[in-house]
Amino acid sequence: MLSDHVGDAVLGKFSFLNLIGRIAFPIFAFQAVQGYLYTKNLKKHMSKLFLFACLSQIPFMLFLSTFYDGFVLNIFFTFFLGLLAIFLYDKCNHKIFGFFVVAFISIIGMLIHVDYSAFGILLIFCFYFFKDTKWQMVIATILLCFGKYLPEIFATPVLFWHYLTCAVFTCLSLCFILFYNQKEGPKANYFFYLFYPIHLLILYFIHMAL
């Protein structure tokens, strides 16, 4: 993630740092699902995500302004909607209806412009839905990753190889995810929650100083 953001703010988009950064989001999405599965208090966990989503939005918009003019909601909103989709899916007695709920939330995410859009929410749900069948999880993840970049691959032929490589690097995250041993790592408490908005602010000021 840091590599990706340094690439955006310092080197400009389409650098090799952005390619390395493609690995990050699927790992975070997978970790978000693990948090959902193992949290002792889902309401508190979701509240924390929403709180940091709100706190991170201004730093995120300042950072985003260094290379993009549009409006996007930061990645914490993506995680919040992704976990909300899982929660509502679990609450549905008829899972076919649950899939429609997930699709609806994904469309909402796209309409309100969360980071990674519908792809981000669907990838989070994918890691949850296929949590017990790794080979299906791998296939679904690869299909989602290439599905995300295919429109950009064909829409901008001059950047064909860049977007194709982005899709490949995004899939490389599976190499790390598949080695997950289901053991809890060192507790970091709020470190990574705070790291996100703080490093965005730092990169914004670095960009402005250049």
N, C-alpha and C. Protein backbone atom coordinates (compact mmCIF):
# COMPACT_ATOMS: atom_id res chain seq x y z
N MET A 1 0.82 -1.20 0.00
CA MET A 1 0.00 0.00 0.00
C MET A 1 0.86 1.26 0.00
N LEU A 2 1.85 1.28 0.87
CA LEU A 2 2.74 2.44 0.93
C LEU A 2 3.47 2.62 -0.40
N SER A 3 3.91 1.51 -0.98
CA SER A 3 4.58 1.57 -2.28
C SER A 3 3.67 2.18 -3.33
N ASP A 4 2.42 1.75 -3.35
CA ASP A 4 1.45 2.25 -4.31
C ASP A 4 1.23 3.75 -4.13
N HIS A 5 1.07 4.18 -2.89
CA HIS A 5 0.79 5.58 -2.61
C HIS A 5 2.01 6.48 -2.86
N VAL A 6 3.20 5.98 -2.58
CA VAL A 6 4.41 6.74 -2.91
C VAL A 6 4.51 6.91 -4.42
N GLY A 7 4.18 5.84 -5.14
CA GLY A 7 4.18 5.93 -6.60
C GLY A 7 3.23 7.00 -7.10
N ASP A 8 2.02 7.06 -6.53
CA ASP A 8 1.03 8.05 -6.95
C ASP A 8 1.47 9.48 -6.64
N ALA A 9 1.94 9.70 -5.41
CA ALA A 9 2.20 11.07 -4.95
C ALA A 9 3.56 11.61 -5.38
N VAL A 10 4.53 10.73 -5.57
CA VAL A 10 5.89 11.20 -5.84
C VAL A 10 6.31 10.94 -7.30
N LEU A 11 6.13 9.72 -7.77
CA LEU A 11 6.57 9.37 -9.12
C LEU A 11 5.50 9.55 -10.17
N GLY A 12 4.25 9.66 -9.74
CA GLY A 12 3.15 9.72 -10.70
C GLY A 12 2.61 8.33 -10.98
N LYS A 13 1.37 8.27 -11.48
CA LYS A 13 0.76 6.96 -11.73
C LYS A 13 1.49 6.20 -12.82
N PHE A 14 1.29 4.89 -12.82
CA PHE A 14 1.85 3.98 -13.81
C PHE A 14 3.34 3.71 -13.58
N SER A 15 3.83 3.90 -12.35
CA SER A 15 5.22 3.56 -12.05
C SER A 15 5.31 2.12 -11.57
N PHE A 16 6.53 1.61 -11.45
CA PHE A 16 6.72 0.25 -10.95
C PHE A 16 6.25 0.11 -9.51
N LEU A 17 6.25 1.22 -8.75
CA LEU A 17 5.76 1.17 -7.38
C LEU A 17 4.26 0.88 -7.34
N ASN A 18 3.53 1.38 -8.33
CA ASN A 18 2.10 1.10 -8.41
C ASN A 18 1.84 -0.38 -8.67
N LEU A 19 2.71 -0.98 -9.48
CA LEU A 19 2.55 -2.41 -9.75
C LEU A 19 2.75 -3.23 -8.48
N ILE A 20 3.78 -2.90 -7.71
CA ILE A 20 4.01 -3.59 -6.44
C ILE A 20 2.81 -3.38 -5.51
N GLY A 21 2.26 -2.17 -5.53
CA GLY A 21 1.13 -1.85 -4.67
C GLY A 21 -0.13 -2.61 -4.99
N ARG A 22 -0.25 -3.17 -6.22
CA ARG A 22 -1.44 -3.93 -6.59
C ARG A 22 -1.62 -5.15 -5.69
N ILE A 23 -0.54 -5.63 -5.10
CA ILE A 23 -0.60 -6.83 -4.27
C ILE A 23 -1.36 -6.57 -2.97
N ALA A 24 -1.39 -5.31 -2.53
CA ALA A 24 -1.85 -5.00 -1.18
C ALA A 24 -3.35 -5.20 -0.95
N PHE A 25 -4.19 -4.67 -1.83
CA PHE A 25 -5.62 -4.65 -1.52
C PHE A 25 -6.23 -6.04 -1.29
N PRO A 26 -5.95 -7.04 -2.15
CA PRO A 26 -6.54 -8.35 -1.87
C PRO A 26 -6.13 -8.92 -0.52
N ILE A 27 -4.90 -8.64 -0.10
CA ILE A 27 -4.45 -9.12 1.22
C ILE A 27 -5.25 -8.43 2.32
N PHE A 28 -5.46 -7.12 2.19
CA PHE A 28 -6.27 -6.39 3.17
C PHE A 28 -7.72 -6.89 3.15
N ALA A 29 -8.24 -7.17 1.96
CA ALA A 29 -9.61 -7.68 1.85
C ALA A 29 -9.73 -9.02 2.55
N PHE A 30 -8.75 -9.87 2.36
CA PHE A 30 -8.73 -11.19 3.03
C PHE A 30 -8.66 -11.01 4.55
N GLN A 31 -7.82 -10.09 5.00
CA GLN A 31 -7.69 -9.83 6.43
C GLN A 31 -8.99 -9.26 7.01
N ALA A 32 -9.70 -8.46 6.21
CA ALA A 32 -10.97 -7.91 6.67
C ALA A 32 -11.97 -9.03 6.93
N VAL A 33 -11.96 -10.04 6.07
CA VAL A 33 -12.85 -11.19 6.26
C VAL A 33 -12.46 -11.96 7.52
N GLN A 34 -11.15 -12.13 7.73
CA GLN A 34 -10.72 -12.81 8.95
C GLN A 34 -11.15 -12.05 10.19
N GLY A 35 -11.08 -10.72 10.12
CA GLY A 35 -11.55 -9.90 11.23
C GLY A 35 -13.03 -10.11 11.49
N TYR A 36 -13.80 -10.23 10.40
CA TYR A 36 -15.24 -10.48 10.54
C TYR A 36 -15.49 -11.83 11.20
N LEU A 37 -14.72 -12.83 10.79
CA LEU A 37 -14.93 -14.19 11.28
C LEU A 37 -14.56 -14.35 12.76
N TYR A 38 -13.54 -13.63 13.19
CA TYR A 38 -12.99 -13.87 14.53
C TYR A 38 -13.27 -12.77 15.54
N THR A 39 -13.88 -11.67 15.10
CA THR A 39 -14.16 -10.61 16.07
C THR A 39 -15.16 -11.09 17.13
N LYS A 40 -14.97 -10.63 18.34
CA LYS A 40 -15.88 -10.98 19.43
C LYS A 40 -17.05 -10.01 19.51
N ASN A 41 -16.90 -8.86 18.86
CA ASN A 41 -17.95 -7.84 18.91
C ASN A 41 -18.04 -7.18 17.54
N LEU A 42 -18.90 -7.72 16.68
CA LEU A 42 -19.00 -7.23 15.30
C LEU A 42 -19.46 -5.78 15.25
N LYS A 43 -20.40 -5.42 16.12
CA LYS A 43 -20.90 -4.05 16.14
C LYS A 43 -19.78 -3.06 16.44
N LYS A 44 -18.93 -3.39 17.41
CA LYS A 44 -17.80 -2.52 17.75
C LYS A 44 -16.81 -2.47 16.60
N HIS A 45 -16.57 -3.61 15.98
CA HIS A 45 -15.62 -3.70 14.86
C HIS A 45 -16.10 -2.84 13.69
N MET A 46 -17.38 -2.93 13.37
CA MET A 46 -17.94 -2.14 12.26
C MET A 46 -17.95 -0.66 12.60
N SER A 47 -18.24 -0.34 13.85
CA SER A 47 -18.23 1.06 14.28
C SER A 47 -16.84 1.66 14.15
N LYS A 48 -15.83 0.87 14.50
CA LYS A 48 -14.45 1.33 14.39
C LYS A 48 -14.07 1.59 12.93
N LEU A 49 -14.48 0.69 12.05
CA LEU A 49 -14.21 0.89 10.62
C LEU A 49 -14.86 2.18 10.11
N PHE A 50 -16.11 2.39 10.50
CA PHE A 50 -16.82 3.58 10.02
C PHE A 50 -16.20 4.85 10.60
N LEU A 51 -15.80 4.81 11.86
CA LEU A 51 -15.16 5.97 12.49
C LEU A 51 -13.89 6.35 11.77
N PHE A 52 -13.03 5.36 11.50
CA PHE A 52 -11.77 5.66 10.81
C PHE A 52 -11.99 6.01 9.35
N ALA A 53 -13.08 5.51 8.77
CA ALA A 53 -13.43 5.92 7.41
C ALA A 53 -13.70 7.43 7.38
N CYS A 54 -14.44 7.90 8.35
CA CYS A 54 -14.76 9.34 8.43
C CYS A 54 -13.52 10.17 8.74
N LEU A 55 -12.69 9.69 9.68
CA LEU A 55 -11.49 10.43 10.07
C LEU A 55 -10.45 10.47 8.95
N SER A 56 -10.48 9.46 8.09
CA SER A 56 -9.45 9.36 7.05
C SER A 56 -9.84 10.07 5.76
N GLN A 57 -11.09 10.52 5.65
CA GLN A 57 -11.55 11.04 4.36
C GLN A 57 -10.83 12.31 3.94
N ILE A 58 -10.63 13.25 4.86
CA ILE A 58 -9.93 14.49 4.49
C ILE A 58 -8.48 14.22 4.10
N PRO A 59 -7.71 13.46 4.92
CA PRO A 59 -6.35 13.11 4.47
C PRO A 59 -6.34 12.39 3.13
N PHE A 60 -7.33 11.52 2.91
CA PHE A 60 -7.40 10.79 1.65
C PHE A 60 -7.67 11.72 0.47
N MET A 61 -8.58 12.67 0.65
CA MET A 61 -8.90 13.60 -0.43
C MET A 61 -7.72 14.52 -0.74
N LEU A 62 -6.99 14.94 0.30
CA LEU A 62 -5.80 15.75 0.07
C LEU A 62 -4.77 14.97 -0.74
N PHE A 63 -4.56 13.72 -0.33
CA PHE A 63 -3.63 12.85 -1.06
C PHE A 63 -4.10 12.64 -2.50
N LEU A 64 -5.39 12.36 -2.65
CA LEU A 64 -5.95 12.07 -3.97
C LEU A 64 -5.81 13.27 -4.91
N SER A 65 -5.85 14.48 -4.34
CA SER A 65 -5.76 15.69 -5.15
C SER A 65 -4.40 15.84 -5.83
N THR A 66 -3.42 15.06 -5.40
CA THR A 66 -2.09 15.16 -6.01
C THR A 66 -2.04 14.52 -7.39
N PHE A 67 -3.05 13.70 -7.73
CA PHE A 67 -3.03 13.06 -9.05
C PHE A 67 -4.42 12.83 -9.65
N TYR A 68 -5.51 13.21 -8.92
CA TYR A 68 -6.85 12.94 -9.42
C TYR A 68 -7.79 14.04 -8.97
N ASP A 69 -8.70 14.45 -9.88
CA ASP A 69 -9.60 15.57 -9.59
C ASP A 69 -10.98 15.14 -9.08
N GLY A 70 -11.30 13.85 -9.17
CA GLY A 70 -12.63 13.40 -8.81
C GLY A 70 -12.79 13.13 -7.32
N PHE A 71 -14.00 12.68 -6.96
CA PHE A 71 -14.33 12.38 -5.57
C PHE A 71 -14.35 10.86 -5.38
N VAL A 72 -13.66 10.40 -4.34
CA VAL A 72 -13.64 8.97 -4.00
C VAL A 72 -13.70 8.85 -2.48
N LEU A 73 -14.45 7.87 -2.00
CA LEU A 73 -14.46 7.56 -0.57
C LEU A 73 -13.34 6.58 -0.27
N ASN A 74 -12.64 6.78 0.84
CA ASN A 74 -11.44 6.00 1.13
C ASN A 74 -11.73 4.52 1.39
N ILE A 75 -10.68 3.75 1.49
CA ILE A 75 -10.77 2.29 1.52
C ILE A 75 -11.50 1.76 2.75
N PHE A 76 -11.53 2.52 3.85
CA PHE A 76 -12.27 2.06 5.02
C PHE A 76 -13.76 1.95 4.72
N PHE A 77 -14.28 2.83 3.86
CA PHE A 77 -15.68 2.72 3.45
C PHE A 77 -15.90 1.45 2.64
N THR A 78 -14.92 1.09 1.83
CA THR A 78 -15.00 -0.15 1.05
C THR A 78 -15.07 -1.36 1.98
N PHE A 79 -14.20 -1.37 2.99
CA PHE A 79 -14.22 -2.48 3.94
C PHE A 79 -15.53 -2.52 4.71
N PHE A 80 -16.03 -1.36 5.09
CA PHE A 80 -17.29 -1.29 5.83
C PHE A 80 -18.43 -1.89 5.01
N LEU A 81 -18.54 -1.49 3.74
CA LEU A 81 -19.61 -2.01 2.89
C LEU A 81 -19.41 -3.49 2.59
N GLY A 82 -18.15 -3.90 2.44
CA GLY A 82 -17.87 -5.31 2.19
C GLY A 82 -18.31 -6.19 3.34
N LEU A 83 -18.00 -5.78 4.56
CA LEU A 83 -18.40 -6.55 5.73
C LEU A 83 -19.91 -6.46 5.96
N LEU A 84 -20.49 -5.31 5.63
CA LEU A 84 -21.95 -5.19 5.73
C LEU A 84 -22.63 -6.16 4.76
N ALA A 85 -22.06 -6.30 3.57
CA ALA A 85 -22.61 -7.25 2.59
C ALA A 85 -22.55 -8.67 3.13
N ILE A 86 -21.44 -9.03 3.76
CA ILE A 86 -21.31 -10.37 4.34
C ILE A 86 -22.33 -10.57 5.46
N PHE A 87 -22.46 -9.57 6.32
CA PHE A 87 -23.38 -9.66 7.45
C PHE A 87 -24.82 -9.85 6.97
N LEU A 88 -25.24 -9.06 6.00
CA LEU A 88 -26.61 -9.17 5.50
C LEU A 88 -26.82 -10.48 4.75
N TYR A 89 -25.80 -10.93 4.04
CA TYR A 89 -25.87 -12.24 3.37
C TYR A 89 -26.10 -13.35 4.40
N ASP A 90 -25.37 -13.29 5.50
CA ASP A 90 -25.53 -14.29 6.56
C ASP A 90 -26.93 -14.27 7.16
N LYS A 91 -27.55 -13.10 7.19
CA LYS A 91 -28.86 -12.95 7.80
C LYS A 91 -30.00 -13.43 6.89
N CYS A 92 -29.69 -13.62 5.61
CA CYS A 92 -30.73 -14.03 4.65
C CYS A 92 -31.00 -15.53 4.76
N ASN A 93 -32.23 -15.89 4.94
CA ASN A 93 -32.60 -17.30 4.99
C ASN A 93 -32.47 -17.96 3.63
N HIS A 94 -32.77 -17.21 2.59
CA HIS A 94 -32.64 -17.72 1.22
C HIS A 94 -31.41 -17.08 0.60
N LYS A 95 -30.38 -17.89 0.34
CA LYS A 95 -29.09 -17.36 -0.09
C LYS A 95 -29.15 -16.73 -1.48
N ILE A 96 -30.11 -17.16 -2.31
CA ILE A 96 -30.25 -16.50 -3.61
C ILE A 96 -30.57 -15.02 -3.41
N PHE A 97 -31.46 -14.75 -2.45
CA PHE A 97 -31.77 -13.37 -2.13
C PHE A 97 -30.53 -12.67 -1.55
N GLY A 98 -29.74 -13.43 -0.78
CA GLY A 98 -28.50 -12.88 -0.21
C GLY A 98 -27.54 -12.40 -1.27
N PHE A 99 -27.46 -13.13 -2.41
CA PHE A 99 -26.59 -12.71 -3.51
C PHE A 99 -27.07 -11.39 -4.11
N PHE A 100 -28.39 -11.23 -4.19
CA PHE A 100 -28.93 -9.96 -4.70
C PHE A 100 -28.59 -8.81 -3.75
N VAL A 101 -28.60 -9.09 -2.45
CA VAL A 101 -28.24 -8.07 -1.46
C VAL A 101 -26.79 -7.65 -1.65
N VAL A 102 -25.91 -8.64 -1.82
CA VAL A 102 -24.49 -8.35 -2.04
C VAL A 102 -24.30 -7.54 -3.31
N ALA A 103 -25.01 -7.92 -4.38
CA ALA A 103 -24.91 -7.18 -5.64
C ALA A 103 -25.41 -5.75 -5.46
N PHE A 104 -26.49 -5.58 -4.71
CA PHE A 104 -27.06 -4.25 -4.47
C PHE A 104 -26.06 -3.36 -3.72
N ILE A 105 -25.43 -3.91 -2.68
CA ILE A 105 -24.45 -3.13 -1.92
C ILE A 105 -23.24 -2.80 -2.80
N SER A 106 -22.87 -3.72 -3.68
CA SER A 106 -21.76 -3.47 -4.60
C SER A 106 -22.09 -2.32 -5.54
N ILE A 107 -23.33 -2.28 -6.00
CA ILE A 107 -23.77 -1.19 -6.88
C ILE A 107 -23.77 0.13 -6.11
N ILE A 108 -24.21 0.08 -4.86
CA ILE A 108 -24.16 1.29 -4.02
C ILE A 108 -22.72 1.78 -3.89
N GLY A 109 -21.80 0.85 -3.63
CA GLY A 109 -20.39 1.21 -3.51
C GLY A 109 -19.87 1.87 -4.78
N MET A 110 -20.33 1.37 -5.93
CA MET A 110 -19.91 1.96 -7.20
C MET A 110 -20.50 3.36 -7.37
N LEU A 111 -21.77 3.52 -7.00
CA LEU A 111 -22.45 4.80 -7.18
C LEU A 111 -21.91 5.90 -6.27
N ILE A 112 -21.50 5.52 -5.04
CA ILE A 112 -20.98 6.53 -4.12
C ILE A 112 -19.46 6.66 -4.22
N HIS A 113 -18.87 5.89 -5.15
CA HIS A 113 -17.44 6.01 -5.48
C HIS A 113 -16.52 5.64 -4.31
N VAL A 114 -16.73 4.46 -3.75
CA VAL A 114 -15.75 3.98 -2.76
C VAL A 114 -14.50 3.52 -3.50
N ASP A 115 -13.39 3.56 -2.84
CA ASP A 115 -12.13 3.11 -3.43
C ASP A 115 -12.27 1.64 -3.85
N TYR A 116 -11.79 1.32 -5.03
CA TYR A 116 -11.89 -0.01 -5.64
C TYR A 116 -13.31 -0.38 -6.06
N SER A 117 -14.25 0.53 -5.85
CA SER A 117 -15.61 0.41 -6.37
C SER A 117 -16.25 -0.95 -6.05
N ALA A 118 -17.10 -1.43 -6.96
CA ALA A 118 -17.80 -2.70 -6.73
C ALA A 118 -16.83 -3.86 -6.63
N PHE A 119 -15.72 -3.78 -7.37
CA PHE A 119 -14.72 -4.84 -7.32
C PHE A 119 -14.25 -5.10 -5.90
N GLY A 120 -13.99 -4.03 -5.15
CA GLY A 120 -13.50 -4.18 -3.79
C GLY A 120 -14.48 -4.92 -2.90
N ILE A 121 -15.76 -4.56 -3.00
CA ILE A 121 -16.80 -5.20 -2.18
C ILE A 121 -16.98 -6.66 -2.58
N LEU A 122 -16.99 -6.92 -3.88
CA LEU A 122 -17.16 -8.29 -4.36
C LEU A 122 -15.97 -9.17 -4.00
N LEU A 123 -14.76 -8.60 -4.01
CA LEU A 123 -13.59 -9.39 -3.64
C LEU A 123 -13.64 -9.77 -2.16
N ILE A 124 -14.07 -8.84 -1.32
CA ILE A 124 -14.22 -9.15 0.11
C ILE A 124 -15.23 -10.28 0.28
N PHE A 125 -16.36 -10.19 -0.41
CA PHE A 125 -17.36 -11.25 -0.30
C PHE A 125 -16.84 -12.57 -0.86
N CYS A 126 -16.06 -12.50 -1.92
CA CYS A 126 -15.46 -13.69 -2.52
C CYS A 126 -14.60 -14.44 -1.51
N PHE A 127 -13.77 -13.71 -0.78
CA PHE A 127 -12.92 -14.36 0.23
C PHE A 127 -13.74 -14.98 1.35
N TYR A 128 -14.90 -14.40 1.62
CA TYR A 128 -15.78 -14.99 2.65
C TYR A 128 -16.51 -16.22 2.10
N PHE A 129 -17.09 -16.08 0.94
CA PHE A 129 -17.93 -17.14 0.38
C PHE A 129 -17.12 -18.40 0.10
N PHE A 130 -15.88 -18.24 -0.36
CA PHE A 130 -15.04 -19.39 -0.71
C PHE A 130 -13.99 -19.67 0.37
N LYS A 131 -14.27 -19.29 1.60
CA LYS A 131 -13.27 -19.43 2.66
C LYS A 131 -12.87 -20.88 2.94
N ASP A 132 -13.75 -21.81 2.61
CA ASP A 132 -13.48 -23.22 2.90
C ASP A 132 -13.02 -24.00 1.68
N THR A 133 -12.98 -23.37 0.53
CA THR A 133 -12.55 -24.05 -0.70
C THR A 133 -11.53 -23.18 -1.42
N LYS A 134 -10.26 -23.43 -1.16
CA LYS A 134 -9.21 -22.54 -1.65
C LYS A 134 -9.13 -22.49 -3.16
N TRP A 135 -9.31 -23.62 -3.82
CA TRP A 135 -9.16 -23.62 -5.29
C TRP A 135 -10.26 -22.77 -5.94
N GLN A 136 -11.46 -22.81 -5.37
CA GLN A 136 -12.53 -21.97 -5.89
C GLN A 136 -12.26 -20.49 -5.59
N MET A 137 -11.70 -20.23 -4.42
CA MET A 137 -11.34 -18.86 -4.06
C MET A 137 -10.30 -18.31 -5.03
N VAL A 138 -9.32 -19.13 -5.39
CA VAL A 138 -8.28 -18.70 -6.33
C VAL A 138 -8.88 -18.38 -7.68
N ILE A 139 -9.72 -19.26 -8.20
CA ILE A 139 -10.34 -19.04 -9.51
C ILE A 139 -11.20 -17.78 -9.51
N ALA A 140 -12.03 -17.64 -8.46
CA ALA A 140 -12.92 -16.47 -8.37
C ALA A 140 -12.13 -15.18 -8.27
N THR A 141 -11.04 -15.21 -7.50
CA THR A 141 -10.20 -14.01 -7.34
C THR A 141 -9.55 -13.62 -8.66
N ILE A 142 -9.02 -14.59 -9.39
CA ILE A 142 -8.39 -14.31 -10.67
C ILE A 142 -9.41 -13.73 -11.65
N LEU A 143 -10.61 -14.31 -11.68
CA LEU A 143 -11.66 -13.81 -12.58
C LEU A 143 -12.05 -12.38 -12.22
N LEU A 144 -12.18 -12.10 -10.92
CA LEU A 144 -12.53 -10.75 -10.49
C LEU A 144 -11.43 -9.75 -10.84
N CYS A 145 -10.17 -10.15 -10.61
CA CYS A 145 -9.04 -9.24 -10.87
C CYS A 145 -8.95 -8.89 -12.34
N PHE A 146 -9.06 -9.89 -13.22
CA PHE A 146 -8.98 -9.60 -14.65
C PHE A 146 -10.25 -8.90 -15.12
N GLY A 147 -11.40 -9.22 -14.47
CA GLY A 147 -12.63 -8.51 -14.80
C GLY A 147 -12.54 -7.03 -14.49
N LYS A 148 -11.82 -6.71 -13.42
CA LYS A 148 -11.65 -5.29 -13.05
C LYS A 148 -10.85 -4.54 -14.09
N TYR A 149 -9.79 -5.15 -14.62
CA TYR A 149 -8.88 -4.43 -15.50
C TYR A 149 -9.19 -4.59 -16.99
N LEU A 150 -10.02 -5.56 -17.36
CA LEU A 150 -10.30 -5.77 -18.78
C LEU A 150 -10.87 -4.53 -19.47
N PRO A 151 -11.85 -3.83 -18.85
CA PRO A 151 -12.36 -2.62 -19.52
C PRO A 151 -11.26 -1.59 -19.78
N GLU A 152 -10.35 -1.43 -18.80
CA GLU A 152 -9.26 -0.46 -18.96
C GLU A 152 -8.24 -0.95 -19.98
N ILE A 153 -8.03 -2.27 -20.04
CA ILE A 153 -7.09 -2.84 -21.00
C ILE A 153 -7.52 -2.53 -22.43
N PHE A 154 -8.82 -2.69 -22.70
CA PHE A 154 -9.32 -2.48 -24.07
C PHE A 154 -9.70 -1.03 -24.35
N ALA A 155 -9.98 -0.27 -23.30
CA ALA A 155 -10.37 1.14 -23.50
C ALA A 155 -9.16 2.02 -23.80
N THR A 156 -8.01 1.64 -23.26
CA THR A 156 -6.80 2.45 -23.47
C THR A 156 -5.67 1.55 -24.00
N PRO A 157 -5.69 1.26 -25.31
CA PRO A 157 -4.71 0.35 -25.89
C PRO A 157 -3.26 0.74 -25.62
N VAL A 158 -3.01 2.06 -25.50
CA VAL A 158 -1.64 2.52 -25.28
C VAL A 158 -1.12 2.05 -23.92
N LEU A 159 -2.04 1.77 -22.99
CA LEU A 159 -1.64 1.29 -21.67
C LEU A 159 -1.99 -0.20 -21.49
N PHE A 160 -2.11 -0.90 -22.60
CA PHE A 160 -2.51 -2.32 -22.57
C PHE A 160 -1.63 -3.13 -21.63
N TRP A 161 -0.30 -3.01 -21.79
CA TRP A 161 0.61 -3.83 -21.00
C TRP A 161 0.63 -3.41 -19.54
N HIS A 162 0.42 -2.13 -19.29
CA HIS A 162 0.40 -1.68 -17.89
C HIS A 162 -0.78 -2.30 -17.15
N TYR A 163 -1.98 -2.20 -17.73
CA TYR A 163 -3.16 -2.72 -17.04
C TYR A 163 -3.14 -4.25 -16.97
N LEU A 164 -2.61 -4.88 -17.99
CA LEU A 164 -2.47 -6.34 -17.95
C LEU A 164 -1.53 -6.75 -16.82
N THR A 165 -0.44 -6.01 -16.68
CA THR A 165 0.51 -6.30 -15.60
C THR A 165 -0.12 -6.00 -14.24
N CYS A 166 -0.96 -4.96 -14.15
CA CYS A 166 -1.67 -4.66 -12.91
C CYS A 166 -2.54 -5.84 -12.49
N ALA A 167 -3.24 -6.43 -13.45
CA ALA A 167 -4.09 -7.58 -13.16
C ALA A 167 -3.25 -8.76 -12.65
N VAL A 168 -2.12 -8.98 -13.28
CA VAL A 168 -1.24 -10.09 -12.86
C VAL A 168 -0.71 -9.85 -11.46
N PHE A 169 -0.24 -8.63 -11.18
CA PHE A 169 0.30 -8.33 -9.86
C PHE A 169 -0.78 -8.40 -8.78
N THR A 170 -2.02 -8.02 -9.12
CA THR A 170 -3.11 -8.14 -8.16
C THR A 170 -3.33 -9.61 -7.81
N CYS A 171 -3.25 -10.47 -8.79
CA CYS A 171 -3.42 -11.91 -8.55
C CYS A 171 -2.27 -12.49 -7.74
N LEU A 172 -1.09 -11.87 -7.81
CA LEU A 172 0.07 -12.37 -7.05
C LEU A 172 -0.17 -12.35 -5.54
N SER A 173 -1.13 -11.55 -5.10
CA SER A 173 -1.46 -11.52 -3.67
C SER A 173 -1.87 -12.90 -3.16
N LEU A 174 -2.38 -13.74 -4.06
CA LEU A 174 -2.81 -15.08 -3.67
C LEU A 174 -1.65 -15.91 -3.15
N CYS A 175 -0.44 -15.62 -3.61
CA CYS A 175 0.74 -16.35 -3.14
C CYS A 175 0.91 -16.16 -1.63
N PHE A 176 0.56 -14.99 -1.13
CA PHE A 176 0.66 -14.72 0.30
C PHE A 176 -0.58 -15.23 1.04
N ILE A 177 -1.74 -15.05 0.46
CA ILE A 177 -2.98 -15.44 1.11
C ILE A 177 -3.05 -16.95 1.33
N LEU A 178 -2.57 -17.71 0.36
CA LEU A 178 -2.64 -19.17 0.46
C LEU A 178 -1.72 -19.74 1.53
N PHE A 179 -0.75 -18.94 1.97
CA PHE A 179 0.14 -19.40 3.05
C PHE A 179 -0.38 -19.03 4.43
N TYR A 180 -1.56 -18.45 4.50
CA TYR A 180 -2.15 -18.09 5.80
C TYR A 180 -2.37 -19.34 6.64
N ASN A 181 -1.86 -19.33 7.87
CA ASN A 181 -1.91 -20.51 8.73
C ASN A 181 -3.03 -20.46 9.77
N GLN A 182 -3.90 -19.45 9.66
CA GLN A 182 -5.05 -19.29 10.57
C GLN A 182 -4.62 -19.05 12.02
N LYS A 183 -3.41 -18.55 12.18
CA LYS A 183 -2.94 -18.19 13.52
C LYS A 183 -2.88 -16.67 13.65
N GLU A 184 -3.23 -16.18 14.82
CA GLU A 184 -3.23 -14.74 15.05
C GLU A 184 -1.80 -14.21 15.14
N GLY A 185 -1.56 -13.12 14.46
CA GLY A 185 -0.24 -12.49 14.49
C GLY A 185 -0.12 -11.55 15.67
N PRO A 186 1.00 -10.82 15.74
CA PRO A 186 1.19 -9.85 16.83
C PRO A 186 0.09 -8.79 16.82
N LYS A 187 -0.40 -8.45 17.98
CA LYS A 187 -1.46 -7.45 18.08
C LYS A 187 -0.88 -6.06 17.81
N ALA A 188 -1.52 -5.36 16.87
CA ALA A 188 -1.06 -4.00 16.53
C ALA A 188 -2.05 -2.95 16.99
N ASN A 189 -3.17 -3.40 17.57
CA ASN A 189 -4.20 -2.49 18.05
C ASN A 189 -4.59 -1.49 16.96
N TYR A 190 -4.38 -0.20 17.20
CA TYR A 190 -4.83 0.81 16.24
C TYR A 190 -3.72 1.29 15.32
N PHE A 191 -2.56 0.62 15.33
CA PHE A 191 -1.42 1.11 14.56
C PHE A 191 -1.76 1.27 13.08
N PHE A 192 -2.31 0.23 12.46
CA PHE A 192 -2.57 0.28 11.02
C PHE A 192 -3.76 1.18 10.69
N TYR A 193 -4.70 1.30 11.62
CA TYR A 193 -5.81 2.22 11.42
C TYR A 193 -5.28 3.66 11.37
N LEU A 194 -4.34 3.97 12.25
CA LEU A 194 -3.77 5.32 12.30
C LEU A 194 -2.76 5.55 11.18
N PHE A 195 -2.04 4.49 10.82
CA PHE A 195 -1.02 4.62 9.78
C PHE A 195 -1.63 5.10 8.47
N TYR A 196 -2.82 4.64 8.16
CA TYR A 196 -3.45 4.98 6.88
C TYR A 196 -3.62 6.49 6.69
N PRO A 197 -4.36 7.19 7.57
CA PRO A 197 -4.52 8.64 7.34
C PRO A 197 -3.23 9.42 7.53
N ILE A 198 -2.37 8.97 8.47
CA ILE A 198 -1.14 9.72 8.75
C ILE A 198 -0.19 9.67 7.55
N HIS A 199 -0.02 8.48 6.95
CA HIS A 199 0.92 8.39 5.83
C HIS A 199 0.37 9.12 4.60
N LEU A 200 -0.95 9.19 4.47
CA LEU A 200 -1.54 9.95 3.36
C LEU A 200 -1.25 11.44 3.50
N LEU A 201 -1.35 11.95 4.72
CA LEU A 201 -1.04 13.36 4.97
C LEU A 201 0.43 13.65 4.70
N ILE A 202 1.30 12.77 5.16
CA ILE A 202 2.74 12.95 4.95
C ILE A 202 3.06 12.99 3.46
N LEU A 203 2.48 12.06 2.69
CA LEU A 203 2.72 12.02 1.25
C LEU A 203 2.17 13.26 0.55
N TYR A 204 1.05 13.77 1.04
CA TYR A 204 0.49 15.00 0.47
C TYR A 204 1.46 16.16 0.65
N PHE A 205 2.00 16.31 1.86
CA PHE A 205 2.92 17.41 2.12
C PHE A 205 4.23 17.24 1.36
N ILE A 206 4.68 15.99 1.20
CA ILE A 206 5.88 15.74 0.40
C ILE A 206 5.64 16.16 -1.04
N HIS A 207 4.50 15.79 -1.57
CA HIS A 207 4.16 16.17 -2.94
C HIS A 207 4.12 17.68 -3.11
N MET A 208 3.53 18.36 -2.14
CA MET A 208 3.43 19.81 -2.24
C MET A 208 4.79 20.49 -2.14
N ALA A 209 5.72 19.82 -1.46
CA ALA A 209 7.07 20.41 -1.28
C ALA A 209 7.95 20.17 -2.49
N LEU A 210 7.58 19.22 -3.35
CA LEU A 210 8.43 18.92 -4.51
C LEU A 210 8.29 19.96 -5.61
